[in-house]
Amino acid sequence: MKFSQLAWQQSEHNYAKILNHPFNQELSQGTLGKDKFMYYIEQDSIYLKEYAKSLATIASRLELNEHILEFIDFAKGAFIAEQEVVHSSFRKQFSEVRAIDKSISNACIGYTSYLNATAKGEAVEVGVAAVLPCFWVYHQVGCHIHKYSAEGNPYQLWIDNYASSEFEAGVRRAITIADELYVAASESTRIKMLDAFTNCVIWEYHFWNDSYNRNYFGVL
């Protein structure tokens, strides 16, 4: 069985929890508070800078030229498509709530630290598995919400971005690379790849949860 099939199967129950989280339920209905969404946008901005560093680190460690170039493109895309288009647009749209709170959430610190440590300190195959949920889970959530999004949803740009065919193409490329690396990996590395994927799906849940509940570092 392919890595992607195994990884998704063992994380499907966590993905269901992500879909059912109030953040994504309210996002779909267009009722999510603007303050919560903009807090999420600020967390995502911090996250994507570190995520891009992890992608660049992985690119520097990969062997095949086509894999290296793909991960360089992924790192660029984290800034251009998401930071400059999605984030910039919502900062303008909801300018009145832009600076409500920029405290760093626990999940943002934990998730980025895990990704950077994995990208640098584990086998490169494990690093690739760790960064995959950020692509894949977001696309799946975007596609799911797109089906049920309320008319006139103020968050439609976010939904459309992650449900888009352009984003899907990147997801498919990332999945293909992970599958290819899994085939050639040792058994111990394969186990670590699956563990890393599972861990990062869980981190994805906590990222949305902390944004919704304002769980940030420094508050006990």
C-alpha atoms as a PDB file:
ATOM      1  CA  MET A   1       0.000   0.000   0.000  1.00  0.00           C
ATOM      2  CA  LYS A   2       1.215   3.538  -0.750  1.00  0.00           C
ATOM      3  CA  PHE A   3       2.424   5.821   2.028  1.00  0.00           C
ATOM      4  CA  SER A   4      -0.370   8.285   1.301  1.00  0.00           C
ATOM      5  CA  GLN A   5      -3.031   5.588   1.652  1.00  0.00           C
ATOM      6  CA  LEU A   6      -1.619   4.294   4.937  1.00  0.00           C
ATOM      7  CA  ALA A   7      -1.062   7.772   6.355  1.00  0.00           C
ATOM      8  CA  TRP A   8      -4.570   9.000   5.551  1.00  0.00           C
ATOM      9  CA  GLN A   9      -6.211   5.853   6.894  1.00  0.00           C
ATOM     10  CA  GLN A  10      -4.549   6.169  10.282  1.00  0.00           C
ATOM     11  CA  SER A  11      -5.361   9.880  10.550  1.00  0.00           C
ATOM     12  CA  GLU A  12      -8.893   9.885   9.154  1.00  0.00           C
ATOM     13  CA  HIS A  13     -10.476  10.056  12.611  1.00  0.00           C
ATOM     14  CA  ASN A  14      -8.375  13.122  13.454  1.00  0.00           C
ATOM     15  CA  TYR A  15      -9.315  14.725  10.152  1.00  0.00           C
ATOM     16  CA  ALA A  16     -12.984  14.231  11.078  1.00  0.00           C
ATOM     17  CA  LYS A  17     -12.348  16.122  14.326  1.00  0.00           C
ATOM     18  CA  ILE A  18     -10.821  18.962  12.326  1.00  0.00           C
ATOM     19  CA  LEU A  19     -13.893  19.176  10.080  1.00  0.00           C
ATOM     20  CA  ASN A  20     -16.200  19.183  13.103  1.00  0.00           C
ATOM     21  CA  HIS A  21     -14.252  21.794  15.032  1.00  0.00           C
ATOM     22  CA  PRO A  22     -16.290  24.976  15.681  1.00  0.00           C
ATOM     23  CA  PHE A  23     -13.692  27.072  13.831  1.00  0.00           C
ATOM     24  CA  ASN A  24     -14.289  25.243  10.550  1.00  0.00           C
ATOM     25  CA  GLN A  25     -18.006  24.761  11.138  1.00  0.00           C
ATOM     26  CA  GLU A  26     -18.487  28.484  11.686  1.00  0.00           C
ATOM     27  CA  LEU A  27     -16.092  29.330   8.853  1.00  0.00           C
ATOM     28  CA  SER A  28     -18.287  27.283   6.522  1.00  0.00           C
ATOM     29  CA  GLN A  29     -21.422  29.064   7.721  1.00  0.00           C
ATOM     30  CA  GLY A  30     -19.776  32.477   7.544  1.00  0.00           C
ATOM     31  CA  THR A  31     -20.532  33.075  11.236  1.00  0.00           C
ATOM     32  CA  LEU A  32     -16.982  32.810  12.604  1.00  0.00           C
ATOM     33  CA  GLY A  33     -16.091  35.922  14.566  1.00  0.00           C
ATOM     34  CA  LYS A  34     -13.821  38.283  12.649  1.00  0.00           C
ATOM     35  CA  ASP A  35     -11.575  38.616  15.690  1.00  0.00           C
ATOM     36  CA  LYS A  36     -11.051  34.848  15.794  1.00  0.00           C
ATOM     37  CA  PHE A  37     -10.397  34.656  12.082  1.00  0.00           C
ATOM     38  CA  MET A  38      -7.899  37.501  12.138  1.00  0.00           C
ATOM     39  CA  TYR A  39      -6.130  36.009  15.143  1.00  0.00           C
ATOM     40  CA  TYR A  40      -5.856  32.843  13.051  1.00  0.00           C
ATOM     41  CA  ILE A  41      -4.506  34.842  10.089  1.00  0.00           C
ATOM     42  CA  GLU A  42      -1.763  36.337  12.283  1.00  0.00           C
ATOM     43  CA  GLN A  43      -0.872  32.895  13.610  1.00  0.00           C
ATOM     44  CA  ASP A  44      -0.842  31.526  10.068  1.00  0.00           C
ATOM     45  CA  SER A  45       1.482  34.308   8.974  1.00  0.00           C
ATOM     46  CA  ILE A  46       3.976  33.365  11.701  1.00  0.00           C
ATOM     47  CA  TYR A  47       3.547  29.689  10.910  1.00  0.00           C
ATOM     48  CA  LEU A  48       4.085  30.019   7.155  1.00  0.00           C
ATOM     49  CA  LYS A  49       7.415  31.795   7.578  1.00  0.00           C
ATOM     50  CA  GLU A  50       8.709  28.863   9.622  1.00  0.00           C
ATOM     51  CA  TYR A  51       6.998  26.339   7.352  1.00  0.00           C
ATOM     52  CA  ALA A  52       8.774  27.831   4.342  1.00  0.00           C
ATOM     53  CA  LYS A  53      12.087  27.429   6.186  1.00  0.00           C
ATOM     54  CA  SER A  54      11.302  23.745   6.782  1.00  0.00           C
ATOM     55  CA  LEU A  55      10.461  23.289   3.107  1.00  0.00           C
ATOM     56  CA  ALA A  56      13.719  24.978   2.093  1.00  0.00           C
ATOM     57  CA  THR A  57      15.685  22.796   4.514  1.00  0.00           C
ATOM     58  CA  ILE A  58      14.107  19.682   3.018  1.00  0.00           C
ATOM     59  CA  ALA A  59      14.885  20.935  -0.508  1.00  0.00           C
ATOM     60  CA  SER A  60      18.554  21.242   0.440  1.00  0.00           C
ATOM     61  CA  ARG A  61      18.621  17.612   1.617  1.00  0.00           C
ATOM     62  CA  LEU A  62      16.762  15.899  -1.214  1.00  0.00           C
ATOM     63  CA  GLU A  63      18.679  13.963  -3.879  1.00  0.00           C
ATOM     64  CA  LEU A  64      16.593  14.101  -7.055  1.00  0.00           C
ATOM     65  CA  ASN A  65      16.657  17.388  -8.963  1.00  0.00           C
ATOM     66  CA  GLU A  66      12.916  17.327  -9.639  1.00  0.00           C
ATOM     67  CA  HIS A  67      12.193  16.862  -5.924  1.00  0.00           C
ATOM     68  CA  ILE A  68      14.526  19.710  -5.007  1.00  0.00           C
ATOM     69  CA  LEU A  69      12.850  22.075  -7.477  1.00  0.00           C
ATOM     70  CA  GLU A  70       9.382  21.093  -6.284  1.00  0.00           C
ATOM     71  CA  PHE A  71      10.218  21.891  -2.669  1.00  0.00           C
ATOM     72  CA  ILE A  72      11.791  25.193  -3.628  1.00  0.00           C
ATOM     73  CA  ASP A  73       8.515  26.026  -5.389  1.00  0.00           C
ATOM     74  CA  PHE A  74       6.546  24.923  -2.326  1.00  0.00           C
ATOM     75  CA  ALA A  75       8.593  27.269  -0.127  1.00  0.00           C
ATOM     76  CA  LYS A  76       8.001  30.176  -2.516  1.00  0.00           C
ATOM     77  CA  GLY A  77       4.305  29.392  -2.689  1.00  0.00           C
ATOM     78  CA  ALA A  78       3.949  29.629   1.089  1.00  0.00           C
ATOM     79  CA  PHE A  79       4.854  33.311   0.778  1.00  0.00           C
ATOM     80  CA  ILE A  80       3.371  34.323  -2.560  1.00  0.00           C
ATOM     81  CA  ALA A  81       0.035  32.507  -2.787  1.00  0.00           C
ATOM     82  CA  GLU A  82      -0.882  32.580   0.881  1.00  0.00           C
ATOM     83  CA  GLN A  83       0.980  35.443   2.543  1.00  0.00           C
ATOM     84  CA  GLU A  84       0.733  38.012  -0.231  1.00  0.00           C
ATOM     85  CA  VAL A  85      -2.703  37.097  -1.594  1.00  0.00           C
ATOM     86  CA  VAL A  86      -4.886  35.569   1.131  1.00  0.00           C
ATOM     87  CA  HIS A  87      -3.438  37.246   4.219  1.00  0.00           C
ATOM     88  CA  SER A  88      -3.028  40.635   2.591  1.00  0.00           C
ATOM     89  CA  SER A  89      -6.596  40.599   1.312  1.00  0.00           C
ATOM     90  CA  PHE A  90      -8.133  39.787   4.695  1.00  0.00           C
ATOM     91  CA  ARG A  91      -5.997  42.357   6.498  1.00  0.00           C
ATOM     92  CA  LYS A  92      -7.529  44.965   4.213  1.00  0.00           C
ATOM     93  CA  GLN A  93     -11.042  43.516   4.387  1.00  0.00           C
ATOM     94  CA  PHE A  94     -11.058  43.321   8.198  1.00  0.00           C
ATOM     95  CA  SER A  95      -8.703  46.189   8.936  1.00  0.00           C
ATOM     96  CA  GLU A  96     -10.698  47.209  12.010  1.00  0.00           C
ATOM     97  CA  VAL A  97      -9.793  43.963  13.820  1.00  0.00           C
ATOM     98  CA  ARG A  98      -6.322  43.479  12.377  1.00  0.00           C
ATOM     99  CA  ALA A  99      -4.308  44.191  15.508  1.00  0.00           C
ATOM    100  CA  ILE A 100      -6.584  42.830  18.233  1.00  0.00           C
ATOM    101  CA  ASP A 101      -4.121  40.217  19.452  1.00  0.00           C
ATOM    102  CA  LYS A 102      -0.828  38.996  18.024  1.00  0.00           C
ATOM    103  CA  SER A 103       0.279  36.769  20.901  1.00  0.00           C
ATOM    104  CA  ILE A 104       1.797  33.554  19.576  1.00  0.00           C
ATOM    105  CA  SER A 105      -0.397  30.522  20.163  1.00  0.00           C
ATOM    106  CA  ASN A 106       0.907  27.396  21.842  1.00  0.00           C
ATOM    107  CA  ALA A 107       0.190  25.349  18.727  1.00  0.00           C
ATOM    108  CA  CYS A 108       2.021  27.775  16.472  1.00  0.00           C
ATOM    109  CA  ILE A 109       5.145  27.506  18.624  1.00  0.00           C
ATOM    110  CA  GLY A 110       4.865  23.751  19.037  1.00  0.00           C
ATOM    111  CA  TYR A 111       4.013  22.926  15.439  1.00  0.00           C
ATOM    112  CA  THR A 112       6.737  25.060  13.839  1.00  0.00           C
ATOM    113  CA  SER A 113       9.324  23.803  16.320  1.00  0.00           C
ATOM    114  CA  TYR A 114       8.377  20.212  15.501  1.00  0.00           C
ATOM    115  CA  LEU A 115       8.557  20.826  11.753  1.00  0.00           C
ATOM    116  CA  ASN A 116      11.908  22.585  11.871  1.00  0.00           C
ATOM    117  CA  ALA A 117      13.426  19.942  14.153  1.00  0.00           C
ATOM    118  CA  THR A 118      12.121  17.135  11.955  1.00  0.00           C
ATOM    119  CA  ALA A 119      13.294  18.777   8.723  1.00  0.00           C
ATOM    120  CA  LYS A 120      16.803  19.198  10.131  1.00  0.00           C
ATOM    121  CA  GLY A 121      17.259  16.256  12.476  1.00  0.00           C
ATOM    122  CA  GLU A 122      15.385  13.308  10.978  1.00  0.00           C
ATOM    123  CA  ALA A 123      15.822  11.456   7.701  1.00  0.00           C
ATOM    124  CA  VAL A 124      14.690  13.673   4.828  1.00  0.00           C
ATOM    125  CA  GLU A 125      11.859  11.224   4.084  1.00  0.00           C
ATOM    126  CA  VAL A 126      10.460  11.890   7.560  1.00  0.00           C
ATOM    127  CA  GLY A 127      10.691  15.636   6.970  1.00  0.00           C
ATOM    128  CA  VAL A 128       8.676  15.254   3.773  1.00  0.00           C
ATOM    129  CA  ALA A 129       6.012  13.251   5.618  1.00  0.00           C
ATOM    130  CA  ALA A 130       5.825  15.904   8.350  1.00  0.00           C
ATOM    131  CA  VAL A 131       5.147  18.821   6.001  1.00  0.00           C
ATOM    132  CA  LEU A 132       2.548  16.928   3.945  1.00  0.00           C
ATOM    133  CA  PRO A 133      -0.499  17.422   6.235  1.00  0.00           C
ATOM    134  CA  CYS A 134      -0.298  21.199   5.868  1.00  0.00           C
ATOM    135  CA  PHE A 135      -0.868  20.747   2.135  1.00  0.00           C
ATOM    136  CA  TRP A 136      -3.263  17.857   2.197  1.00  0.00           C
ATOM    137  CA  VAL A 137      -5.473  18.605   5.203  1.00  0.00           C
ATOM    138  CA  TYR A 138      -5.998  22.208   4.114  1.00  0.00           C
ATOM    139  CA  HIS A 139      -7.012  21.136   0.630  1.00  0.00           C
ATOM    140  CA  GLN A 140      -9.454  18.559   1.986  1.00  0.00           C
ATOM    141  CA  VAL A 141     -10.942  21.048   4.446  1.00  0.00           C
ATOM    142  CA  GLY A 142     -11.176  23.683   1.723  1.00  0.00           C
ATOM    143  CA  CYS A 143     -12.969  21.280  -0.648  1.00  0.00           C
ATOM    144  CA  HIS A 144     -15.361  20.102   2.071  1.00  0.00           C
ATOM    145  CA  ILE A 145     -16.275  23.616   3.165  1.00  0.00           C
ATOM    146  CA  HIS A 146     -16.609  24.739  -0.453  1.00  0.00           C
ATOM    147  CA  LYS A 147     -19.517  22.311  -0.873  1.00  0.00           C
ATOM    148  CA  TYR A 148     -21.442  23.745   2.075  1.00  0.00           C
ATOM    149  CA  SER A 149     -20.273  27.351   2.230  1.00  0.00           C
ATOM    150  CA  ALA A 150     -23.044  29.842   2.962  1.00  0.00           C
ATOM    151  CA  GLU A 151     -23.954  32.355   0.258  1.00  0.00           C
ATOM    152  CA  GLY A 152     -22.085  35.633   0.721  1.00  0.00           C
ATOM    153  CA  ASN A 153     -19.569  33.994   3.044  1.00  0.00           C
ATOM    154  CA  PRO A 154     -17.031  36.672   4.106  1.00  0.00           C
ATOM    155  CA  TYR A 155     -14.332  33.981   4.177  1.00  0.00           C
ATOM    156  CA  GLN A 156     -14.936  32.759   0.623  1.00  0.00           C
ATOM    157  CA  LEU A 157     -11.465  33.795  -0.573  1.00  0.00           C
ATOM    158  CA  TRP A 158      -9.862  31.521   2.026  1.00  0.00           C
ATOM    159  CA  ILE A 159     -12.172  28.664   1.051  1.00  0.00           C
ATOM    160  CA  ASP A 160     -11.639  29.130  -2.682  1.00  0.00           C
ATOM    161  CA  ASN A 161      -7.865  29.291  -2.306  1.00  0.00           C
ATOM    162  CA  TYR A 162      -7.549  25.915  -0.605  1.00  0.00           C
ATOM    163  CA  ALA A 163     -10.212  24.264  -2.766  1.00  0.00           C
ATOM    164  CA  SER A 164      -8.638  25.516  -5.993  1.00  0.00           C
ATOM    165  CA  SER A 165      -7.221  23.324  -8.740  1.00  0.00           C
ATOM    166  CA  GLU A 166      -3.922  25.207  -8.425  1.00  0.00           C
ATOM    167  CA  PHE A 167      -3.586  24.282  -4.772  1.00  0.00           C
ATOM    168  CA  GLU A 168      -4.694  20.722  -5.537  1.00  0.00           C
ATOM    169  CA  ALA A 169      -1.894  20.385  -8.100  1.00  0.00           C
ATOM    170  CA  GLY A 170       0.694  21.212  -5.432  1.00  0.00           C
ATOM    171  CA  VAL A 171      -0.905  18.752  -3.017  1.00  0.00           C
ATOM    172  CA  ARG A 172      -0.746  15.974  -5.594  1.00  0.00           C
ATOM    173  CA  ARG A 173       2.925  16.680  -6.293  1.00  0.00           C
ATOM    174  CA  ALA A 174       3.762  16.596  -2.584  1.00  0.00           C
ATOM    175  CA  ILE A 175       1.866  13.316  -2.129  1.00  0.00           C
ATOM    176  CA  THR A 176       3.660  11.770  -5.112  1.00  0.00           C
ATOM    177  CA  ILE A 177       7.072  12.696  -3.709  1.00  0.00           C
ATOM    178  CA  ALA A 178       6.200  11.235  -0.307  1.00  0.00           C
ATOM    179  CA  ASP A 179       4.978   8.029  -1.945  1.00  0.00           C
ATOM    180  CA  GLU A 180       8.155   7.727  -3.999  1.00  0.00           C
ATOM    181  CA  LEU A 181      10.429   8.253  -0.995  1.00  0.00           C
ATOM    182  CA  TYR A 182       8.448   5.747   1.070  1.00  0.00           C
ATOM    183  CA  VAL A 183       9.072   2.980  -1.486  1.00  0.00           C
ATOM    184  CA  ALA A 184      12.851   3.321  -1.189  1.00  0.00           C
ATOM    185  CA  ALA A 185      12.961   3.959   2.575  1.00  0.00           C
ATOM    186  CA  SER A 186      14.019   1.479   5.247  1.00  0.00           C
ATOM    187  CA  GLU A 187      11.351  -0.079   7.452  1.00  0.00           C
ATOM    188  CA  SER A 188      12.345   2.064  10.447  1.00  0.00           C
ATOM    189  CA  THR A 189      12.147   5.225   8.324  1.00  0.00           C
ATOM    190  CA  ARG A 190       8.747   4.196   6.997  1.00  0.00           C
ATOM    191  CA  ILE A 191       7.435   3.904  10.543  1.00  0.00           C
ATOM    192  CA  LYS A 192       8.818   7.358  11.388  1.00  0.00           C
ATOM    193  CA  MET A 193       7.207   8.802   8.247  1.00  0.00           C
ATOM    194  CA  LEU A 194       3.792   7.543   9.304  1.00  0.00           C
ATOM    195  CA  ASP A 195       4.300   8.785  12.860  1.00  0.00           C
ATOM    196  CA  ALA A 196       5.357  12.226  11.632  1.00  0.00           C
ATOM    197  CA  PHE A 197       2.321  12.510   9.378  1.00  0.00           C
ATOM    198  CA  THR A 198      -0.004  11.533  12.230  1.00  0.00           C
ATOM    199  CA  ASN A 199       1.653  13.980  14.621  1.00  0.00           C
ATOM    200  CA  CYS A 200       1.248  16.843  12.180  1.00  0.00           C
ATOM    201  CA  VAL A 201      -2.425  16.131  11.515  1.00  0.00           C
ATOM    202  CA  ILE A 202      -2.865  16.436  15.283  1.00  0.00           C
ATOM    203  CA  TRP A 203      -0.899  19.689  15.263  1.00  0.00           C
ATOM    204  CA  GLU A 204      -3.239  20.960  12.538  1.00  0.00           C
ATOM    205  CA  TYR A 205      -6.197  20.351  14.852  1.00  0.00           C
ATOM    206  CA  HIS A 206      -4.515  22.193  17.700  1.00  0.00           C
ATOM    207  CA  PHE A 207      -3.621  25.107  15.437  1.00  0.00           C
ATOM    208  CA  TRP A 208      -7.289  25.744  14.646  1.00  0.00           C
ATOM    209  CA  ASN A 209      -8.311  25.023  18.230  1.00  0.00           C
ATOM    210  CA  ASP A 210      -5.813  27.485  19.692  1.00  0.00           C
ATOM    211  CA  SER A 211      -6.864  30.140  17.202  1.00  0.00           C
ATOM    212  CA  TYR A 212     -10.506  29.653  18.138  1.00  0.00           C
ATOM    213  CA  ASN A 213      -9.916  29.643  21.893  1.00  0.00           C
ATOM    214  CA  ARG A 214      -6.963  32.060  22.051  1.00  0.00           C
ATOM    215  CA  ASN A 215      -4.652  29.549  23.728  1.00  0.00           C
ATOM    216  CA  TYR A 216      -1.363  31.354  23.590  1.00  0.00           C
ATOM    217  CA  PHE A 217       2.034  31.102  25.212  1.00  0.00           C
ATOM    218  CA  GLY A 218       2.392  32.878  28.529  1.00  0.00           C
ATOM    219  CA  VAL A 219      -1.111  32.193  29.843  1.00  0.00           C
ATOM    220  CA  LEU A 220      -1.574  29.274  32.277  1.00  0.00           C
END
